[in-house]
Structures are given as structure tokens and as C-alpha cells.
Amino acid sequence: MDDLLPDAGRKAHEAMHAVLDAALVTYKAKINEARASVMTVEGKTLSADTKTQKMSFNDFVEAADYAVIEDAYKRAGRAISPDLATTYAEHLAAGMDDEEDDEEALIEAHTIIAAIGLVPKIKDDLEAEAEKLAKEWLAAHKEGIKGLTDERQEAYRQIREMSTDPLPVEIARPNMWLQPTTAREPNGKEYDLERFERHLLCDNEGLFPDAFNSSWEPAVLRAELQKEGCIGWYRNPARASQDSLGVVYEEAGENRMVRPDFIFFVQKEDGTIEADLIDPHGDHLADALPKLKGLAKYAADNLKTFQRIEAITKLKKTGTYRMLDLTKEDVRKAVEAATSAEGLYGSTSAEDYVA
């Protein structure tokens, strides 16, 4: 659709056909065994005498007919995708010179695919190769995708999100947000939200209103804005969206997403702009440590992208602010080995933070 790779659909299917062709050789014995089960139907006959009300059961085995084969083929298609099943059947049928006509060749192809669907390892291999190809194409056409409209870029972002392992996604530049300017207290009284300067999106007065989850998040924001060279900041959306930076972490064996609060932009003496990723986060929450581990891994992979990557908390016992500098290798190792986020912030791996 976007002229990034001519005839991409055909090339993708041909690549997957090659994977399945290789599987026919690698898993020949298992496929033959599965084929035998496809070609036979096991059943029982029930006989009942209406006078004596006696019943008898008899087992039987019959050769599968076309309807049974097609049912097994469709089940296999759900495993490897109906589109791929269709094109691979055509691919197989085209190479069958020993079949009398095209219809018999297609039935034979459907039988082979039905057998493939009964060998789980083939599906695993196919998905691995499909993901590998998707990563290669997304990397090769990265710049071309960035030049597309926001709508079309969103289509590629959704493709990336289908990955079994999370893939990096380019953040879209936001053009407009609907942002509340007031909040309501439990007693019903409304009040104006505090507004901050130098946000990438702002109102007519150059200010950005926000309601924070804690009193120390705005304290961190004010401290960062006062630092030398800070020319702007971005309130990373907490919701899943194409203009939000998400960092993957693992909890209970599942991939989840943490969205760091702030990105600050700092102008250096030579005029270049650096980005700082700053995440104030409570250390007492159950997911605090898994999120820190995910952020540490993200830091290791993105040291060239950010000047600073820091996780900050306010200790409940002392009220002091502590910071973990995740650009440091020894700190990341301490995070990976830690069993408690609270203990980590109280250790020598953390530093005092002035807010």
C-alpha cells in the first residue's frame, strides 16, 4: 500500500512456503504419522433393541472422505493462518506432476497441510521465521515508514505490537491533547490545576496543566526545570498511545508496560540537545521492583538515546528523595540482583536527590 517494498505480500508468502518446504523434510516421520491419522476416521456404531432396550457398541475404522480431510485442513489453516494455507496448497499442487488432474493435486495438498497442522513444532518454527522476517523488513524500511502519514505509521505500529517479543516503536509527535484545567475535591469543590511552563504542548499562555498522583512528582518536575540548560519537558502519557514511551517489564511471567513520567530536554554548551528520562515512582508498590528491572534493561539498550535515565522515589520513613542512576552499569547490576525496591533505594547503589 505504501510502495516501501514492491509485491511484499507475495514475497512474504514465498518466504513462509520455503519454511514449510523445509519442515516437510525435517519432520517427515511425524508428518507421515499425522497424515495417517488424517486419512482414517475412528467411530462407534450403536445398536438398540426397542423391545428389550438392550444396546450394543461396535468400533469401526474407515478411510477419510473429502469432507473429513477438508475439516482437518481448515483446522490447520487456523494454526498457520487461512491465507498462508491457501497459497501453500496452491504451491504444493503446482509441483505435483504425478496427480491426474488439478483437483486431485489440490486434495493431496490439503491432506499434507492437514498433517502439518498436527505437528506443533512446525507452527513454532513458522512463527519464529515470520517474526524474523518482519523485524528485518521493519528495520530496513524504518526511515520510509517515518515519512508516512500518522495514520499509516499507526498501521506499522500495530504490526510491531503483534510480535511475541516486544519490538521498539517510534514515538509519534503529538499535535494536540485535551487536557483538564480543573479538578474536584471529594467534597465537590473545584480548583484550578497547577500549570507548568516549557512543556512541548501548551495553552495560549505557554503553560501546561496537570494533576499528579503524588505531591512529590511535581516537586521532581520543578527541580528538573530549574537545572541549567533545561529548555523543555514532556509529560509522557500514562495511557497506551503512539505518542507515549512504553518500557517493557516482566511480572508473573507476562510482559507488561511501564510508562516513565517525564522526558526533559537539555541544551548543552555546544548547542546540541540531550534528552533525560526521569521516572518518579513509589518504592512500596508490589510492581515497583519488576518495573525497575525493566527500566534498567531499557537503559542498557538506550544509553546513546538519553543523557540521563533515573528512577526517583521519596522514602516514607525519612521523607528524603533517593535516585537510581540507571546509566551506571553497577547500579543496573544491583537492580537486577535486588529483591526489594525499598531496600534498593536505601542502599549505596542509590544517591540523594534534591527536589
Protein backbone atom coordinates (compact mmCIF):
# COMPACT_ATOMS: atom_id res chain seq x y z
CA MET A 1 0.00 0.00 0.00
CA ASP A 2 2.86 2.40 0.78
CA ASP A 3 5.29 1.37 -2.02
CA LEU A 4 8.00 0.56 0.52
CA LEU A 5 8.55 -2.98 -0.76
CA PRO A 6 7.10 -3.94 -4.16
CA ASP A 7 4.97 -7.10 -4.14
CA ALA A 8 5.56 -7.56 -0.40
CA GLY A 9 2.64 -9.96 0.09
CA ARG A 10 3.89 -12.45 -2.49
CA LYS A 11 7.45 -12.25 -1.12
CA ALA A 12 6.23 -12.86 2.43
CA HIS A 13 4.23 -15.93 1.39
CA GLU A 14 7.11 -17.31 -0.68
CA ALA A 15 9.41 -16.98 2.33
CA MET A 16 6.95 -18.88 4.51
CA HIS A 17 6.46 -21.51 1.77
CA ALA A 18 10.21 -22.15 1.96
CA VAL A 19 9.95 -22.65 5.73
CA LEU A 20 7.14 -25.18 5.29
CA ASP A 21 9.02 -26.94 2.48
CA ALA A 22 11.97 -27.38 4.84
CA ALA A 23 9.62 -28.67 7.54
CA LEU A 24 8.35 -31.41 5.19
CA VAL A 25 11.91 -32.75 5.16
CA THR A 26 12.84 -32.09 8.80
CA TYR A 27 9.65 -33.54 10.27
CA LYS A 28 8.97 -36.17 7.58
CA ALA A 29 8.35 -39.03 10.02
CA LYS A 30 5.97 -37.03 12.24
CA ILE A 31 4.12 -35.67 9.21
CA ASN A 32 3.65 -39.18 7.80
CA GLU A 33 2.30 -40.31 11.17
CA ALA A 34 -0.04 -37.32 11.30
CA ARG A 35 -1.13 -37.94 7.71
CA ALA A 36 -2.16 -41.48 8.62
CA SER A 37 -4.39 -40.14 11.39
CA VAL A 38 -5.94 -37.63 8.96
CA MET A 39 -6.70 -40.36 6.42
CA THR A 40 -8.57 -42.59 8.86
CA VAL A 41 -11.77 -42.00 10.83
CA GLU A 42 -12.47 -43.87 14.03
CA GLY A 43 -16.02 -44.23 15.31
CA LYS A 44 -18.61 -46.32 17.08
CA THR A 45 -21.93 -47.75 15.94
CA LEU A 46 -24.78 -48.00 18.40
CA SER A 47 -27.44 -50.71 18.02
CA ALA A 48 -30.56 -50.69 20.18
CA ASP A 49 -33.39 -53.22 20.51
CA THR A 50 -36.66 -51.40 21.08
CA LYS A 51 -38.27 -54.44 22.68
CA THR A 52 -35.53 -55.50 25.08
CA GLN A 53 -33.97 -51.98 25.29
CA LYS A 54 -30.54 -53.59 25.04
CA MET A 55 -27.77 -51.61 23.36
CA SER A 56 -24.50 -52.71 21.79
CA PHE A 57 -21.49 -50.72 20.60
CA ASN A 58 -19.12 -51.62 17.80
CA ASP A 59 -15.92 -49.77 16.93
CA PHE A 60 -15.07 -49.11 13.31
CA VAL A 61 -12.29 -47.54 11.27
CA GLU A 62 -12.97 -46.04 7.86
CA ALA A 63 -10.90 -44.23 5.27
CA ALA A 64 -11.42 -40.48 5.47
CA ASP A 65 -13.50 -38.88 2.77
CA TYR A 66 -13.11 -35.40 1.27
CA ALA A 67 -15.25 -33.73 3.94
CA VAL A 68 -13.07 -35.12 6.76
CA ILE A 69 -9.87 -34.03 5.02
CA GLU A 70 -11.25 -30.53 4.43
CA ASP A 71 -12.23 -30.22 8.09
CA ALA A 72 -8.68 -31.16 9.16
CA TYR A 73 -7.25 -28.75 6.55
CA LYS A 74 -9.34 -25.86 7.91
CA ARG A 75 -8.16 -26.60 11.44
CA ALA A 76 -4.56 -26.48 10.22
CA GLY A 77 -5.36 -23.21 8.44
CA ARG A 78 -6.38 -21.65 11.73
CA ALA A 79 -2.97 -22.61 13.13
CA ILE A 80 -0.81 -21.29 10.28
CA SER A 81 -3.36 -18.69 9.03
CA PRO A 82 -6.00 -19.34 6.37
CA ASP A 83 -4.26 -17.15 3.79
CA LEU A 84 -0.96 -18.99 4.10
CA ALA A 85 -2.75 -22.36 3.99
CA THR A 86 -4.43 -21.33 0.72
CA THR A 87 -1.27 -20.13 -1.03
CA TYR A 88 0.80 -23.07 0.25
CA ALA A 89 -1.80 -25.52 -1.05
CA GLU A 90 -1.52 -23.88 -4.47
CA HIS A 91 2.29 -24.01 -4.18
CA LEU A 92 2.23 -27.74 -3.37
CA ALA A 93 -0.35 -28.60 -6.02
CA ALA A 94 1.65 -26.81 -8.72
CA GLY A 95 4.62 -29.09 -8.04
CA MET A 96 2.69 -32.39 -8.18
CA ASP A 97 3.31 -33.95 -11.58
CA ASP A 98 2.11 -37.41 -10.56
CA GLU A 99 -1.52 -36.39 -9.91
CA GLU A 100 -4.03 -36.98 -12.72
CA ASP A 101 -5.75 -33.60 -12.52
CA ASP A 102 -5.66 -30.27 -10.66
CA GLU A 103 -8.47 -31.23 -8.29
CA GLU A 104 -6.68 -34.37 -7.07
CA ALA A 105 -3.47 -32.37 -6.66
CA LEU A 106 -5.28 -29.79 -4.53
CA ILE A 107 -6.87 -32.52 -2.34
CA GLU A 108 -3.43 -34.06 -1.83
CA ALA A 109 -2.04 -30.62 -0.92
CA HIS A 110 -4.86 -30.11 1.59
CA THR A 111 -4.07 -33.51 3.12
CA ILE A 112 -0.41 -32.56 3.58
CA ILE A 113 -1.34 -29.24 5.20
CA ALA A 114 -3.82 -31.01 7.47
CA ALA A 115 -0.96 -33.26 8.63
CA ILE A 116 1.33 -30.24 9.11
CA GLY A 117 -1.28 -28.75 11.44
CA LEU A 118 -0.94 -31.78 13.73
CA VAL A 119 2.81 -31.23 14.28
CA PRO A 120 3.05 -28.32 16.80
CA LYS A 121 6.79 -27.76 16.29
CA ILE A 122 6.19 -26.72 12.68
CA LYS A 123 3.90 -23.88 13.83
CA ASP A 124 6.58 -22.73 16.30
CA ASP A 125 9.27 -22.73 13.58
CA LEU A 126 6.97 -20.90 11.18
CA GLU A 127 6.14 -18.16 13.69
CA ALA A 128 9.82 -17.70 14.57
CA GLU A 129 10.79 -17.26 10.91
CA ALA A 130 7.80 -14.97 10.26
CA GLU A 131 8.81 -12.75 13.16
CA LYS A 132 12.42 -12.72 11.99
CA LEU A 133 11.34 -11.59 8.52
CA ALA A 134 9.01 -8.93 9.98
CA LYS A 135 11.87 -7.50 12.08
CA GLU A 136 14.17 -7.42 9.05
CA TRP A 137 11.63 -5.57 6.91
CA LEU A 138 10.63 -3.12 9.64
CA ALA A 139 14.32 -2.31 10.24
CA ALA A 140 15.14 -1.99 6.53
CA HIS A 141 12.21 0.38 5.88
CA LYS A 142 12.37 2.32 9.16
CA GLU A 143 13.05 5.68 7.51
CA GLY A 144 10.41 5.12 4.84
CA ILE A 145 7.79 4.35 7.50
CA LYS A 146 8.68 7.53 9.41
CA GLY A 147 7.93 9.53 6.26
CA LEU A 148 4.35 8.24 6.03
CA THR A 149 1.23 9.89 7.41
CA ASP A 150 0.37 9.35 11.08
CA GLU A 151 -2.47 7.05 10.03
CA ARG A 152 -0.20 4.79 8.01
CA GLN A 153 2.54 4.83 10.68
CA GLU A 154 -0.09 3.59 13.13
CA ALA A 155 -0.64 0.53 10.91
CA TYR A 156 3.03 -0.42 11.24
CA ARG A 157 2.97 0.26 14.98
CA GLN A 158 0.14 -2.28 15.28
CA ILE A 159 2.19 -4.81 13.32
CA ARG A 160 5.06 -4.36 15.77
CA GLU A 161 2.68 -4.89 18.70
CA MET A 162 1.69 -8.30 17.28
CA SER A 163 5.20 -9.55 17.98
CA THR A 164 5.55 -12.32 20.59
CA ASP A 165 8.55 -10.38 21.90
CA PRO A 166 8.14 -6.59 22.22
CA LEU A 167 9.76 -4.57 19.43
CA PRO A 168 10.89 -0.93 19.64
CA VAL A 169 8.34 1.50 18.21
CA GLU A 170 8.96 5.06 17.05
CA ILE A 171 7.03 7.60 19.14
CA ALA A 172 4.74 9.83 17.11
CA ARG A 173 4.99 13.57 17.68
CA PRO A 174 1.77 14.78 19.35
CA ASN A 175 -0.09 17.64 17.73
CA MET A 176 -2.93 18.22 20.20
CA TRP A 177 -4.12 16.97 23.58
CA LEU A 178 -7.32 17.50 25.51
CA GLN A 179 -6.01 18.36 28.97
CA PRO A 180 -8.16 19.13 32.06
CA THR A 181 -7.55 22.50 33.70
CA THR A 182 -9.56 21.89 36.88
CA ALA A 183 -10.08 19.07 39.36
CA ARG A 184 -12.71 18.35 42.01
CA GLU A 185 -12.17 17.57 45.66
CA PRO A 186 -14.16 14.78 47.41
CA ASN A 187 -16.48 17.43 48.88
CA GLY A 188 -17.33 18.64 45.38
CA LYS A 189 -15.29 21.83 45.44
CA GLU A 190 -13.45 22.55 42.19
CA TYR A 191 -9.97 24.03 41.99
CA ASP A 192 -7.57 25.02 39.21
CA LEU A 193 -4.75 22.63 38.40
CA GLU A 194 -1.21 23.90 38.69
CA ARG A 195 0.24 24.91 35.34
CA PHE A 196 3.85 24.50 34.31
CA GLU A 197 6.00 26.24 31.72
CA ARG A 198 8.11 24.84 28.87
CA HIS A 199 6.05 21.76 28.09
CA LEU A 200 6.18 20.63 24.43
CA LEU A 201 2.41 21.18 24.26
CA CYS A 202 0.96 24.26 25.93
CA ASP A 203 -2.02 26.63 26.04
CA ASN A 204 -2.16 30.18 24.70
CA GLU A 205 -0.16 31.37 27.70
CA GLY A 206 2.59 28.83 27.12
CA LEU A 207 1.59 26.75 30.15
CA PHE A 208 0.59 23.12 30.67
CA PRO A 209 -1.86 21.98 33.41
CA ASP A 210 -1.54 18.59 35.05
CA ALA A 211 -2.86 16.61 38.01
CA PHE A 212 -0.22 14.37 39.57
CA ASN A 213 -0.69 11.16 41.53
CA SER A 214 1.55 12.34 44.39
CA SER A 215 2.90 15.56 45.88
CA TRP A 216 6.48 14.68 45.05
CA GLU A 217 6.04 14.19 41.29
CA PRO A 218 5.57 17.97 40.75
CA ALA A 219 8.48 18.51 43.17
CA VAL A 220 10.72 16.47 40.88
CA LEU A 221 9.36 18.40 37.88
CA ARG A 222 10.21 21.78 39.46
CA ALA A 223 13.68 20.57 40.41
CA GLU A 224 14.41 19.43 36.85
CA LEU A 225 13.09 22.66 35.30
CA GLN A 226 15.48 24.66 37.49
CA LYS A 227 18.54 22.75 36.28
CA GLU A 228 20.94 24.55 33.97
CA GLY A 229 20.23 24.12 30.28
CA CYS A 230 16.70 22.66 30.67
CA ILE A 231 14.72 24.06 27.74
CA GLY A 232 11.62 21.86 27.79
CA TRP A 233 9.87 18.76 29.03
CA TYR A 234 7.28 16.17 28.04
CA ARG A 235 4.68 14.57 30.27
CA ASN A 236 4.75 11.01 28.97
CA PRO A 237 1.13 9.82 28.65
CA ALA A 238 0.22 7.03 31.07
CA ARG A 239 -2.18 5.55 28.52
CA ALA A 240 -1.27 3.28 25.62
CA SER A 241 -0.90 5.54 22.59
CA GLN A 242 1.50 6.16 19.73
CA ASP A 243 2.81 9.32 21.43
CA SER A 244 3.66 7.52 24.69
CA LEU A 245 7.02 5.94 25.54
CA GLY A 246 6.45 2.46 26.97
CA VAL A 247 9.12 0.30 28.63
CA VAL A 248 8.59 -3.45 28.83
CA TYR A 249 8.98 -5.29 32.13
CA GLU A 250 8.15 -8.83 33.17
CA GLU A 251 5.85 -9.73 36.04
CA ALA A 252 4.41 -13.16 36.86
CA GLY A 253 5.80 -14.50 33.58
CA GLU A 254 3.97 -11.93 31.46
CA ASN A 255 5.21 -8.87 29.57
CA ARG A 256 3.74 -5.63 30.89
CA MET A 257 4.36 -1.95 30.19
CA VAL A 258 5.55 0.89 32.41
CA ARG A 259 5.40 4.45 31.08
CA PRO A 260 8.03 6.73 32.70
CA ASP A 261 6.64 10.09 33.80
CA PHE A 262 8.98 12.68 32.28
CA ILE A 263 11.34 13.36 29.41
CA PHE A 264 13.39 16.56 29.81
CA PHE A 265 15.34 18.31 27.06
CA VAL A 266 18.65 19.96 27.93
CA GLN A 267 20.74 22.23 25.73
CA LYS A 268 24.49 21.69 26.07
CA GLU A 269 27.21 24.35 25.77
CA ASP A 270 27.86 23.36 22.15
CA GLY A 271 24.19 23.92 21.28
CA THR A 272 23.23 20.23 20.99
CA ILE A 273 20.09 18.93 22.67
CA GLU A 274 20.13 15.91 25.01
CA ALA A 275 17.16 14.03 26.47
CA ASP A 276 16.79 12.92 30.10
CA LEU A 277 14.35 10.16 31.07
CA ILE A 278 13.18 10.73 34.65
CA ASP A 279 10.67 8.47 36.42
CA PRO A 280 9.44 9.27 39.94
CA HIS A 281 7.86 6.08 41.25
CA GLY A 282 6.79 4.71 44.63
CA ASP A 283 9.08 2.06 46.11
CA HIS A 284 6.38 0.40 48.24
CA LEU A 285 4.14 -0.84 45.42
CA ALA A 286 4.14 -4.56 44.54
CA ASP A 287 5.23 -3.88 40.96
CA ALA A 288 7.99 -1.39 41.89
CA LEU A 289 10.89 -3.84 41.58
CA PRO A 290 9.77 -5.51 38.30
CA LYS A 291 9.34 -2.04 36.79
CA LEU A 292 12.83 -1.02 37.96
CA LYS A 293 14.29 -4.15 36.39
CA GLY A 294 12.52 -3.37 33.10
CA LEU A 295 13.72 0.23 33.20
CA ALA A 296 17.29 -0.92 33.90
CA LYS A 297 17.22 -3.24 30.89
CA TYR A 298 15.79 -0.44 28.75
CA ALA A 299 18.58 1.87 29.98
CA ALA A 300 21.26 -0.64 28.97
CA ASP A 301 19.82 -0.76 25.44
CA ASN A 302 19.36 3.02 25.07
CA LEU A 303 22.44 4.65 26.57
CA LYS A 304 23.04 6.57 23.33
CA THR A 305 19.48 7.91 23.24
CA PHE A 306 19.37 9.52 26.69
CA GLN A 307 21.89 11.57 28.64
CA ARG A 308 20.30 10.58 31.96
CA ILE A 309 17.96 7.71 32.88
CA GLU A 310 16.97 7.98 36.52
CA ALA A 311 14.36 6.39 38.80
CA ILE A 312 13.43 8.53 41.81
CA THR A 313 11.43 7.84 44.95
CA LYS A 314 10.58 9.55 48.23
CA LEU A 315 11.33 7.37 51.25
CA LYS A 316 8.31 7.10 53.54
CA LYS A 317 10.34 6.82 56.76
CA THR A 318 12.62 9.82 56.28
CA GLY A 319 10.85 11.87 53.61
CA THR A 320 14.13 12.16 51.68
CA TYR A 321 14.40 11.73 47.92
CA ARG A 322 16.61 8.96 46.53
CA MET A 323 17.68 8.33 42.96
CA LEU A 324 18.99 5.35 40.98
CA ASP A 325 21.23 6.35 38.06
CA LEU A 326 20.46 3.61 35.55
CA THR A 327 23.13 4.77 33.12
CA LYS A 328 25.68 3.21 35.50
CA GLU A 329 26.42 -0.46 34.96
CA ASP A 330 26.96 -1.22 38.66
CA VAL A 331 23.56 0.28 39.51
CA ARG A 332 21.83 -1.79 36.83
CA LYS A 333 23.51 -4.94 38.21
CA ALA A 334 22.30 -4.03 41.70
CA VAL A 335 18.75 -3.59 40.37
CA GLU A 336 18.86 -6.97 38.64
CA ALA A 337 20.07 -8.69 41.82
CA ALA A 338 17.70 -6.84 44.19
CA THR A 339 14.79 -8.49 45.99
CA SER A 340 13.22 -5.28 47.32
CA ALA A 341 12.76 -1.88 45.70
CA GLU A 342 12.66 -0.19 49.10
CA GLY A 343 15.92 -1.82 50.12
CA LEU A 344 17.48 -0.86 46.82
CA TYR A 345 16.71 2.84 47.26
CA GLY A 346 18.09 2.68 50.78
CA SER A 347 21.34 1.05 49.67
CA THR A 348 24.62 2.56 48.49
CA SER A 349 23.51 1.99 44.88
CA ALA A 350 21.15 4.97 45.23
CA GLU A 351 22.03 8.62 45.70
CA ASP A 352 20.32 11.53 47.38
CA TYR A 353 18.18 13.63 45.05
CA VAL A 354 17.45 17.31 45.74
CA ALA A 355 13.84 18.21 44.97
